[in-house]
Structure formats: C-alpha cells, structure tokens
PDB file of N, CA and C in Angstrom:
ATOM      1  N   MET A   1     -76.452 276.025  79.377  1.00  0.00           N
ATOM      2  CA  MET A   1     -75.719 275.407  80.571  1.00  0.00           C
ATOM      3  C   MET A   1     -73.932 274.975  80.458  1.00  0.00           C
ATOM      4  N   PRO A   2     -73.441 274.918  81.666  1.00  0.00           N
ATOM      5  CA  PRO A   2     -71.942 274.801  82.075  1.00  0.00           C
ATOM      6  C   PRO A   2     -71.800 273.106  81.549  1.00  0.00           C
ATOM      7  N   THR A   3     -70.790 272.999  81.376  1.00  0.00           N
ATOM      8  CA  THR A   3     -70.422 270.961  80.722  1.00  0.00           C
ATOM      9  C   THR A   3     -69.066 270.902  81.713  1.00  0.00           C
ATOM     10  N   TYR A   4     -69.181 270.065  82.704  1.00  0.00           N
ATOM     11  CA  TYR A   4     -68.637 270.133  84.040  1.00  0.00           C
ATOM     12  C   TYR A   4     -67.698 268.158  83.015  1.00  0.00           C
ATOM     13  N   GLU A   5     -66.489 268.533  84.071  1.00  0.00           N
ATOM     14  CA  GLU A   5     -66.110 267.166  83.383  1.00  0.00           C
ATOM     15  C   GLU A   5     -65.305 265.879  84.651  1.00  0.00           C
ATOM     16  N   TYR A   6     -65.906 265.934  84.760  1.00  0.00           N
ATOM     17  CA  TYR A   6     -66.300 263.706  85.937  1.00  0.00           C
ATOM     18  C   TYR A   6     -65.328 263.223  85.363  1.00  0.00           C
ATOM     19  N   LYS A   7     -63.954 262.574  86.674  1.00  0.00           N
ATOM     20  CA  LYS A   7     -63.079 261.036  86.756  1.00  0.00           C
ATOM     21  C   LYS A   7     -63.865 260.231  86.943  1.00  0.00           C
ATOM     22  N   CYS A   8     -64.507 258.536  86.967  1.00  0.00           N
ATOM     23  CA  CYS A   8     -64.206 257.654  87.605  1.00  0.00           C
ATOM     24  C   CYS A   8     -63.180 256.784  87.880  1.00  0.00           C
ATOM     25  N   PRO A   9     -63.318 255.844  89.147  1.00  0.00           N
ATOM     26  CA  PRO A   9     -62.158 255.514  89.784  1.00  0.00           C
ATOM     27  C   PRO A   9     -60.939 254.865  88.828  1.00  0.00           C
ATOM     28  N   ASN A  10     -61.726 253.717  87.564  1.00  0.00           N
ATOM     29  CA  ASN A  10     -61.017 253.392  86.911  1.00  0.00           C
ATOM     30  C   ASN A  10     -59.779 254.145  85.628  1.00  0.00           C
ATOM     31  N   GLY A  11     -59.977 255.910  85.672  1.00  0.00           N
ATOM     32  CA  GLY A  11     -59.428 256.158  85.550  1.00  0.00           C
ATOM     33  C   GLY A  11     -59.701 257.381  84.057  1.00  0.00           C
ATOM     34  N   HIS A  12     -61.168 256.528  83.552  1.00  0.00           N
ATOM     35  CA  HIS A  12     -62.360 257.244  82.201  1.00  0.00           C
ATOM     36  C   HIS A  12     -62.270 258.773  83.586  1.00  0.00           C
ATOM     37  N   VAL A  13     -62.069 259.870  81.969  1.00  0.00           N
ATOM     38  CA  VAL A  13     -62.205 261.778  81.567  1.00  0.00           C
ATOM     39  C   VAL A  13     -63.467 261.610  80.801  1.00  0.00           C
ATOM     40  N   PHE A  14     -64.888 261.312  81.182  1.00  0.00           N
ATOM     41  CA  PHE A  14     -66.101 261.678  80.712  1.00  0.00           C
ATOM     42  C   PHE A  14     -66.925 263.768  81.031  1.00  0.00           C
ATOM     43  N   GLU A  15     -67.570 264.434  80.169  1.00  0.00           N
ATOM     44  CA  GLU A  15     -67.957 265.802  80.193  1.00  0.00           C
ATOM     45  C   GLU A  15     -69.328 265.325  79.874  1.00  0.00           C
ATOM     46  N   VAL A  16     -69.762 266.520  80.930  1.00  0.00           N
ATOM     47  CA  VAL A  16     -72.078 265.666  81.197  1.00  0.00           C
ATOM     48  C   VAL A  16     -72.261 267.750  81.002  1.00  0.00           C
ATOM     49  N   PHE A  17     -73.268 267.954  80.290  1.00  0.00           N
ATOM     50  CA  PHE A  17     -73.706 269.441  80.040  1.00  0.00           C
ATOM     51  C   PHE A  17     -74.855 268.990  80.668  1.00  0.00           C
ATOM     52  N   LYS A  18     -74.662 269.651  81.577  1.00  0.00           N
ATOM     53  CA  LYS A  18     -75.974 269.665  83.430  1.00  0.00           C
ATOM     54  C   LYS A  18     -75.839 271.115  83.689  1.00  0.00           C
ATOM     55  N   ARG A  19     -77.260 271.871  84.336  1.00  0.00           N
ATOM     56  CA  ARG A  19     -77.215 272.844  85.265  1.00  0.00           C
ATOM     57  C   ARG A  19     -76.746 273.292  86.542  1.00  0.00           C
ATOM     58  N   ILE A  20     -76.243 274.094  86.127  1.00  0.00           N
ATOM     59  CA  ILE A  20     -75.468 273.870  88.064  1.00  0.00           C
ATOM     60  C   ILE A  20     -76.701 272.971  89.238  1.00  0.00           C
ATOM     61  N   ALA A  21     -77.588 273.315  89.107  1.00  0.00           N
ATOM     62  CA  ALA A  21     -78.532 272.676  90.304  1.00  0.00           C
ATOM     63  C   ALA A  21     -78.897 271.445  90.290  1.00  0.00           C
ATOM     64  N   ASP A  22     -78.722 270.609  88.432  1.00  0.00           N
ATOM     65  CA  ASP A  22     -78.660 268.999  89.156  1.00  0.00           C
ATOM     66  C   ASP A  22     -77.694 268.348  89.145  1.00  0.00           C
ATOM     67  N   PRO A  23     -77.904 267.212  90.707  1.00  0.00           N
ATOM     68  CA  PRO A  23     -77.398 266.154  90.687  1.00  0.00           C
ATOM     69  C   PRO A  23     -75.333 265.309  90.166  1.00  0.00           C
ATOM     70  N   PRO A  24     -74.211 265.824  90.237  1.00  0.00           N
ATOM     71  CA  PRO A  24     -73.435 265.069  89.450  1.00  0.00           C
ATOM     72  C   PRO A  24     -73.740 263.631  88.764  1.00  0.00           C
ATOM     73  N   PRO A  25     -73.375 263.264  87.503  1.00  0.00           N
ATOM     74  CA  PRO A  25     -73.623 261.395  87.876  1.00  0.00           C
ATOM     75  C   PRO A  25     -73.197 260.363  88.710  1.00  0.00           C
ATOM     76  N   GLU A  26     -74.090 259.346  88.812  1.00  0.00           N
ATOM     77  CA  GLU A  26     -73.777 258.324  90.053  1.00  0.00           C
ATOM     78  C   GLU A  26     -73.010 257.326  89.491  1.00  0.00           C
ATOM     79  N   ALA A  27     -72.327 257.377  88.390  1.00  0.00           N
ATOM     80  CA  ALA A  27     -71.918 256.289  87.177  1.00  0.00           C
ATOM     81  C   ALA A  27     -71.384 256.260  86.903  1.00  0.00           C
ATOM     82  N   CYS A  28     -70.193 256.054  86.075  1.00  0.00           N
ATOM     83  CA  CYS A  28     -69.381 256.239  85.137  1.00  0.00           C
ATOM     84  C   CYS A  28     -69.994 255.767  83.631  1.00  0.00           C
ATOM     85  N   PRO A  29     -70.400 256.625  82.063  1.00  0.00           N
ATOM     86  CA  PRO A  29     -70.813 255.862  81.248  1.00  0.00           C
ATOM     87  C   PRO A  29     -70.083 254.769  80.762  1.00  0.00           C
ATOM     88  N   VAL A  30     -69.019 254.836  80.703  1.00  0.00           N
ATOM     89  CA  VAL A  30     -68.053 253.573  79.783  1.00  0.00           C
ATOM     90  C   VAL A  30     -68.307 252.267  80.594  1.00  0.00           C
ATOM     91  N   CYS A  31     -67.212 252.276  82.328  1.00  0.00           N
ATOM     92  CA  CYS A  31     -67.533 251.235  82.605  1.00  0.00           C
ATOM     93  C   CYS A  31     -68.334 251.168  83.660  1.00  0.00           C
ATOM     94  N   GLY A  32     -69.165 251.829  84.023  1.00  0.00           N
ATOM     95  CA  GLY A  32     -70.213 252.078  85.510  1.00  0.00           C
ATOM     96  C   GLY A  32     -69.879 252.189  87.226  1.00  0.00           C
ATOM     97  N   ALA A  33     -68.735 252.265  87.281  1.00  0.00           N
ATOM     98  CA  ALA A  33     -67.838 251.691  88.626  1.00  0.00           C
ATOM     99  C   ALA A  33     -68.764 253.296  89.055  1.00  0.00           C
ATOM    100  N   SER A  34     -68.075 253.826  89.958  1.00  0.00           N
ATOM    101  CA  SER A  34     -68.640 254.598  90.888  1.00  0.00           C
ATOM    102  C   SER A  34     -67.973 254.294  92.608  1.00  0.00           C
ATOM    103  N   PRO A  35     -67.889 256.103  92.809  1.00  0.00           N
ATOM    104  CA  PRO A  35     -68.674 257.166  92.592  1.00  0.00           C
ATOM    105  C   PRO A  35     -67.441 257.731  91.792  1.00  0.00           C
ATOM    106  N   VAL A  36     -68.082 258.902  91.256  1.00  0.00           N
ATOM    107  CA  VAL A  36     -66.969 259.547  90.473  1.00  0.00           C
ATOM    108  C   VAL A  36     -66.858 261.330  91.041  1.00  0.00           C
ATOM    109  N   GLU A  37     -65.765 261.790  90.936  1.00  0.00           N
ATOM    110  CA  GLU A  37     -65.509 263.018  91.094  1.00  0.00           C
ATOM    111  C   GLU A  37     -65.085 264.510  89.917  1.00  0.00           C
ATOM    112  N   THR A  38     -65.331 265.521  91.147  1.00  0.00           N
ATOM    113  CA  THR A  38     -65.212 266.528  89.685  1.00  0.00           C
ATOM    114  C   THR A  38     -64.061 266.671  89.380  1.00  0.00           C
ATOM    115  N   VAL A  39     -63.569 266.731  87.983  1.00  0.00           N
ATOM    116  CA  VAL A  39     -62.340 266.946  87.835  1.00  0.00           C
ATOM    117  C   VAL A  39     -62.216 268.926  87.379  1.00  0.00           C
ATOM    118  N   LEU A  40     -60.889 269.381  89.042  1.00  0.00           N
ATOM    119  CA  LEU A  40     -60.828 270.860  88.630  1.00  0.00           C
ATOM    120  C   LEU A  40     -59.760 271.452  88.153  1.00  0.00           C
ATOM    121  N   TYR A  41     -59.837 272.427  87.301  1.00  0.00           N
ATOM    122  CA  TYR A  41     -58.250 272.836  86.691  1.00  0.00           C
ATOM    123  C   TYR A  41     -58.458 274.658  87.309  1.00  0.00           C
ATOM    124  N   PRO A  42     -57.002 274.913  87.316  1.00  0.00           N
ATOM    125  CA  PRO A  42     -56.659 276.099  87.538  1.00  0.00           C
ATOM    126  C   PRO A  42     -57.027 276.990  87.288  1.00  0.00           C
ATOM    127  N   VAL A  43     -57.415 277.908  87.378  1.00  0.00           N
ATOM    128  CA  VAL A  43     -57.580 279.074  86.938  1.00  0.00           C
ATOM    129  C   VAL A  43     -56.273 280.287  87.002  1.00  0.00           C
ATOM    130  N   PRO A  44     -55.814 280.545  84.933  1.00  0.00           N
ATOM    131  CA  PRO A  44     -55.720 281.214  84.479  1.00  0.00           C
ATOM    132  C   PRO A  44     -55.226 282.508  85.463  1.00  0.00           C
ATOM    133  N   VAL A  45     -54.304 283.283  85.918  1.00  0.00           N
ATOM    134  CA  VAL A  45     -54.018 284.224  87.097  1.00  0.00           C
ATOM    135  C   VAL A  45     -53.251 284.946  86.365  1.00  0.00           C
ATOM    136  N   HIS A  46     -53.433 286.867  85.802  1.00  0.00           N
ATOM    137  CA  HIS A  46     -52.148 287.297  85.169  1.00  0.00           C
ATOM    138  C   HIS A  46     -51.932 288.427  85.635  1.00  0.00           C
ATOM    139  N   PHE A  47     -51.083 289.216  86.363  1.00  0.00           N
ATOM    140  CA  PHE A  47     -50.460 290.055  87.103  1.00  0.00           C
ATOM    141  C   PHE A  47     -50.042 290.775  86.294  1.00  0.00           C
ATOM    142  N   ARG A  48     -50.233 291.891  85.616  1.00  0.00           N
ATOM    143  CA  ARG A  48     -49.141 292.656  84.651  1.00  0.00           C
ATOM    144  C   ARG A  48     -48.496 294.485  85.170  1.00  0.00           C
ATOM    145  N   GLY A  49     -48.335 294.784  84.407  1.00  0.00           N
ATOM    146  CA  GLY A  49     -47.265 295.836  85.046  1.00  0.00           C
ATOM    147  C   GLY A  49     -46.944 295.902  86.445  1.00  0.00           C
ATOM    148  N   SER A  50     -46.732 296.637  87.506  1.00  0.00           N
ATOM    149  CA  SER A  50     -45.468 297.039  88.377  1.00  0.00           C
ATOM    150  C   SER A  50     -46.273 296.731  89.344  1.00  0.00           C
ATOM    151  N   GLY A  51     -47.263 295.998  89.150  1.00  0.00           N
ATOM    152  CA  GLY A  51     -48.114 295.454  90.060  1.00  0.00           C
ATOM    153  C   GLY A  51     -49.166 295.579  90.978  1.00  0.00           C
ATOM    154  N   PHE A  52     -50.548 294.928  91.215  1.00  0.00           N
ATOM    155  CA  PHE A  52     -51.837 294.710  92.328  1.00  0.00           C
ATOM    156  C   PHE A  52     -51.612 296.089  92.969  1.00  0.00           C
ATOM    157  N   TYR A  53     -50.662 295.816  93.775  1.00  0.00           N
ATOM    158  CA  TYR A  53     -50.674 296.291  95.552  1.00  0.00           C
ATOM    159  C   TYR A  53     -49.937 297.599  95.029  1.00  0.00           C
ATOM    160  N   SER A  54     -48.987 297.619  94.433  1.00  0.00           N
ATOM    161  CA  SER A  54     -48.406 299.066  94.790  1.00  0.00           C
ATOM    162  C   SER A  54     -49.072 299.804  93.735  1.00  0.00           C
ATOM    163  N   THR A  55     -50.092 299.384  92.523  1.00  0.00           N
ATOM    164  CA  THR A  55     -51.025 300.666  91.639  1.00  0.00           C
ATOM    165  C   THR A  55     -52.079 300.575  92.145  1.00  0.00           C
ATOM    166  N   ASP A  56     -52.615 299.929  92.806  1.00  0.00           N
ATOM    167  CA  ASP A  56     -54.153 300.120  92.955  1.00  0.00           C
ATOM    168  C   ASP A  56     -54.268 301.005  94.871  1.00  0.00           C
ATOM    169  N   TYR A  57     -53.461 299.956  96.061  1.00  0.00           N
ATOM    170  CA  TYR A  57     -53.456 300.483  96.683  1.00  0.00           C
ATOM    171  C   TYR A  57     -52.681 301.180  97.828  1.00  0.00           C
ATOM    172  N   GLY A  58     -51.618 300.685  97.247  1.00  0.00           N
ATOM    173  CA  GLY A  58     -49.845 300.742  98.475  1.00  0.00           C
ATOM    174  C   GLY A  58     -49.807 302.120  98.766  1.00  0.00           C
ATOM    175  N   ARG A  59     -49.314 302.409  97.211  1.00  0.00           N
ATOM    176  CA  ARG A  59     -49.484 303.916  97.023  1.00  0.00           C
ATOM    177  C   ARG A  59     -50.136 305.205  97.543  1.00  0.00           C
ATOM    178  N   GLY A  60     -51.690 305.029  97.662  1.00  0.00           N
ATOM    179  CA  GLY A  60     -52.379 305.764  97.510  1.00  0.00           C
ATOM    180  C   GLY A  60     -52.651 306.134  99.333  1.00  0.00           C
ATOM    181  N   GLY A  61     -51.898 305.132  99.887  1.00  0.00           N
ATOM    182  CA  GLY A  61     -52.458 304.708 101.186  1.00  0.00           C
ATOM    183  C   GLY A  61     -50.477 306.160 101.736  1.00  0.00           C
ATOM    184  N   ARG A  62     -49.953 305.658 101.729  1.00  0.00           N
ATOM    185  CA  ARG A  62     -49.144 306.562 101.469  1.00  0.00           C
ATOM    186  C   ARG A  62     -48.159 307.633 101.580  1.00  0.00           C
ATOM    187  N   LYS A  63     -49.356 308.182 100.311  1.00  0.00           N
ATOM    188  CA  LYS A  63     -49.944 309.481 100.137  1.00  0.00           C
ATOM    189  C   LYS A  63     -50.208 310.018 101.180  1.00  0.00           C
ATOM    190  N   ARG A  64     -51.545 308.957 101.578  1.00  0.00           N
ATOM    191  CA  ARG A  64     -51.966 310.065 102.320  1.00  0.00           C
ATOM    192  C   ARG A  64     -51.118 310.297 103.752  1.00  0.00           C
ATOM    193  N   ASP A  65     -50.283 309.349 104.081  1.00  0.00           N
ATOM    194  CA  ASP A  65     -49.715 309.241 105.203  1.00  0.00           C
ATOM    195  C   ASP A  65     -48.832 310.281 104.956  1.00  0.00           C
ATOM    196  N   ARG A  66     -48.405 310.353 104.010  1.00  0.00           N
ATOM    197  CA  ARG A  66     -47.072 311.785 104.535  1.00  0.00           C
ATOM    198  C   ARG A  66     -48.137 312.989 104.454  1.00  0.00           C
ATOM    199  N   ALA A  67     -48.627 313.243 103.691  1.00  0.00           N
ATOM    200  CA  ALA A  67     -49.840 314.181 104.040  1.00  0.00           C
ATOM    201  C   ALA A  67     -49.969 314.714 105.527  1.00  0.00           C
ATOM    202  N   LYS A  68     -49.895 313.239 105.872  1.00  0.00           N
ATOM    203  CA  LYS A  68     -50.486 314.047 107.707  1.00  0.00           C
ATOM    204  C   LYS A  68     -49.266 314.456 108.081  1.00  0.00           C
ATOM    205  N   GLU A  69     -48.356 313.224 107.582  1.00  0.00           N
ATOM    206  CA  GLU A  69     -47.695 313.918 108.866  1.00  0.00           C
ATOM    207  C   GLU A  69     -46.530 315.166 107.928  1.00  0.00           C
ATOM    208  N   SER A  70     -46.593 315.809 107.075  1.00  0.00           N
ATOM    209  CA  SER A  70     -46.011 316.530 106.543  1.00  0.00           C
ATOM    210  C   SER A  70     -46.870 318.099 107.045  1.00  0.00           C
ATOM    211  N   SER A  71     -48.534 317.668 107.814  1.00  0.00           N
ATOM    212  CA  SER A  71     -49.099 318.593 108.129  1.00  0.00           C
ATOM    213  C   SER A  71     -49.642 318.557 109.260  1.00  0.00           C
ATOM    214  N   ALA A  72     -48.430 317.599 110.149  1.00  0.00           N
ATOM    215  CA  ALA A  72     -48.346 317.830 111.287  1.00  0.00           C
ATOM    216  C   ALA A  72     -47.532 318.175 112.094  1.00  0.00           C
ATOM    217  N   GLU A  73     -46.008 318.214 111.375  1.00  0.00           N
ATOM    218  CA  GLU A  73     -44.608 318.672 111.416  1.00  0.00           C
ATOM    219  C   GLU A  73     -45.289 320.531 110.899  1.00  0.00           C
ATOM    220  N   SER A  74     -45.260 320.790 110.261  1.00  0.00           N
ATOM    221  CA  SER A  74     -45.773 322.105 110.194  1.00  0.00           C
ATOM    222  C   SER A  74     -46.313 322.766 110.922  1.00  0.00           C
ATOM    223  N   GLY A  75     -47.439 322.200 111.488  1.00  0.00           N
ATOM    224  CA  GLY A  75     -47.794 322.480 112.712  1.00  0.00           C
ATOM    225  C   GLY A  75     -47.241 323.164 114.004  1.00  0.00           C
ATOM    226  N   SER A  76     -46.148 321.779 114.347  1.00  0.00           N
ATOM    227  CA  SER A  76     -45.545 321.477 115.357  1.00  0.00           C
ATOM    228  C   SER A  76     -44.485 322.818 114.871  1.00  0.00           C
ATOM    229  N   ASP A  77     -43.939 323.197 113.712  1.00  0.00           N
ATOM    230  CA  ASP A  77     -42.521 324.027 113.305  1.00  0.00           C
ATOM    231  C   ASP A  77     -43.271 325.910 113.990  1.00  0.00           C
ATOM    232  N   SER A  78     -44.381 325.756 113.569  1.00  0.00           N
ATOM    233  CA  SER A  78     -44.958 327.048 114.528  1.00  0.00           C
ATOM    234  C   SER A  78     -45.099 327.742 115.485  1.00  0.00           C
ATOM    235  N   GLY A  79     -43.949 326.975 116.131  1.00  0.00           N
ATOM    236  CA  GLY A  79     -43.898 327.276 118.300  1.00  0.00           C
ATOM    237  C   GLY A  79     -42.833 328.475 118.372  1.00  0.00           C
ATOM    238  N   SER A  80     -42.461 329.258 117.954  1.00  0.00           N
ATOM    239  CA  SER A  80     -41.548 329.968 118.179  1.00  0.00           C
ATOM    240  C   SER A  80     -41.764 331.208 119.076  1.00  0.00           C
ATOM    241  N   GLY A  81     -43.023 331.545 118.804  1.00  0.00           N
ATOM    242  CA  GLY A  81     -43.662 333.055 119.595  1.00  0.00           C
ATOM    243  C   GLY A  81     -43.757 333.925 118.426  1.00  0.00           C
ATOM    244  N   ASP A  82     -43.091 333.593 116.763  1.00  0.00           N
ATOM    245  CA  ASP A  82     -43.036 335.001 116.311  1.00  0.00           C
ATOM    246  C   ASP A  82     -44.923 334.477 114.982  1.00  0.00           C
ATOM    247  N   LYS A  83     -45.362 334.562 116.153  1.00  0.00           N
ATOM    248  CA  LYS A  83     -47.500 335.103 115.159  1.00  0.00           C
ATOM    249  C   LYS A  83     -47.352 335.452 113.473  1.00  0.00           C
ATOM    250  N   SER A  84     -45.762 336.426 113.193  1.00  0.00           N
ATOM    251  CA  SER A  84     -46.800 338.072 112.377  1.00  0.00           C
ATOM    252  C   SER A  84     -46.253 337.302 111.154  1.00  0.00           C
ATOM    253  N   GLY A  85     -45.262 335.982 110.799  1.00  0.00           N
ATOM    254  CA  GLY A  85     -45.198 335.884 108.954  1.00  0.00           C
ATOM    255  C   GLY A  85     -45.169 333.975 109.369  1.00  0.00           C
ATOM    256  N   ASP A  86     -46.892 334.036 109.409  1.00  0.00           N
ATOM    257  CA  ASP A  86     -46.641 332.347 109.225  1.00  0.00           C
ATOM    258  C   ASP A  86     -46.358 331.832 107.703  1.00  0.00           C
ATOM    259  N   LYS A  87     -46.134 332.510 106.947  1.00  0.00           N
ATOM    260  CA  LYS A  87     -45.972 332.798 105.839  1.00  0.00           C
ATOM    261  C   LYS A  87     -45.045 331.915 105.155  1.00  0.00           C
ATOM    262  N   LYS A  88     -45.086 330.982 104.811  1.00  0.00           N
ATOM    263  CA  LYS A  88     -42.870 330.518 105.111  1.00  0.00           C
ATOM    264  C   LYS A  88     -41.959 331.334 103.757  1.00  0.00           C
ATOM    265  N   ASP A  89     -41.350 331.577 103.617  1.00  0.00           N
ATOM    266  CA  ASP A  89     -40.557 331.699 102.191  1.00  0.00           C
ATOM    267  C   ASP A  89     -40.440 330.883 101.010  1.00  0.00           C
ATOM    268  N   THR A  90     -40.383 332.287  99.836  1.00  0.00           N
ATOM    269  CA  THR A  90     -40.182 331.691  98.780  1.00  0.00           C
ATOM    270  C   THR A  90     -38.756 331.318  98.284  1.00  0.00           C
ATOM    271  N   PRO A  91     -38.507 330.654  97.359  1.00  0.00           N
ATOM    272  CA  PRO A  91     -37.402 330.479  96.918  1.00  0.00           C
ATOM    273  C   PRO A  91     -36.302 331.353  96.038  1.00  0.00           C
ATOM    274  N   ILE A  92     -36.848 332.207  95.866  1.00  0.00           N
ATOM    275  CA  ILE A  92     -36.669 333.667  95.693  1.00  0.00           C
ATOM    276  C   ILE A  92     -36.116 333.932  96.920  1.00  0.00           C
ATOM    277  N   GLU A  93     -37.730 334.792  98.261  1.00  0.00           N
ATOM    278  CA  GLU A  93     -36.914 335.396  99.047  1.00  0.00           C
ATOM    279  C   GLU A  93     -35.972 335.059  99.444  1.00  0.00           C
ATOM    280  N   LYS A  94     -35.568 333.183  99.759  1.00  0.00           N
ATOM    281  CA  LYS A  94     -34.629 332.715 100.481  1.00  0.00           C
ATOM    282  C   LYS A  94     -33.301 333.280  99.471  1.00  0.00           C
ATOM    283  N   LYS A  95     -33.196 333.422  97.794  1.00  0.00           N
ATOM    284  CA  LYS A  95     -32.200 333.679  97.211  1.00  0.00           C
ATOM    285  C   LYS A  95     -31.503 334.987  97.987  1.00  0.00           C
ATOM    286  N   LYS A  96     -32.112 335.699  98.359  1.00  0.00           N
ATOM    287  CA  LYS A  96     -32.214 337.623  98.538  1.00  0.00           C
ATOM    288  C   LYS A  96     -31.710 337.342  99.957  1.00  0.00           C
ATOM    289  N   ALA A  97     -32.343 337.370 100.894  1.00  0.00           N
ATOM    290  CA  ALA A  97     -31.314 336.357 101.981  1.00  0.00           C
ATOM    291  C   ALA A  97     -30.422 336.153 102.331  1.00  0.00           C
ATOM    292  N   ALA A  98     -30.022 335.208 101.268  1.00  0.00           N
ATOM    293  CA  ALA A  98     -28.628 334.200 101.092  1.00  0.00           C
ATOM    294  C   ALA A  98     -27.383 335.603 100.478  1.00  0.00           C
ATOM    295  N   GLU A  99     -27.815 336.432  99.350  1.00  0.00           N
ATOM    296  CA  GLU A  99     -27.061 338.053  99.018  1.00  0.00           C
ATOM    297  C   GLU A  99     -26.881 338.195  99.376  1.00  0.00           C
ATOM    298  N   GLY A 100     -27.927 338.919 100.366  1.00  0.00           N
ATOM    299  CA  GLY A 100     -27.781 340.704 100.995  1.00  0.00           C
ATOM    300  C   GLY A 100     -27.054 340.327 102.840  1.00  0.00           C
TER     301      GLY A 100
END
C-alpha cells in the first residue's frame, strides 16, 4: 500500500498509509482542521544521450523519406529513351571513360 502526503489549511503536513480505493482523510490529525489537500511532488525525468526524439523517431522517418525520394528520382531519370543500359556505371567504368 502506498503512502500519501496531505496538508491541512493550517500548514500541518502528514502522511497516511492507505489503499488507492480508500477515501482521503477528512480532517487534520494534529489540529482537526478541514479540508485537507493532497500534496503532489514533481516526478524527475532525465533525457540522456543525443535526444529522445532524434534517436528514436526523427532519423528513421528521414531515412525512409530520403529512400523514397531517391527511388523516385532514379525512376524519373530513365526517360532518355535508352533502355538498353538501365544499369548505372560503376566508379571504375567512370574512371576508364574519363581517361579514354
């Protein structure tokens, strides 16, 4: 069972060990003032590394978009009418062509 912290209007802070389904206390056990309010604390969150968004979601989407763009570009470049050599020149073949 969790421990909950409450604060009364007079400034007293106290803890109650209770189930989640149990109702909150109606009055302060020290002075009897009511209503009491639940004290909430911020939860520490640490983002480490190069970033949550860029490592988990950002780059993967960009890679897929770039792959789609490059495949679309390569498909549109073959409109020259020469269908015999769809294969692109390798770097060695380009060197030989430049030398020769």
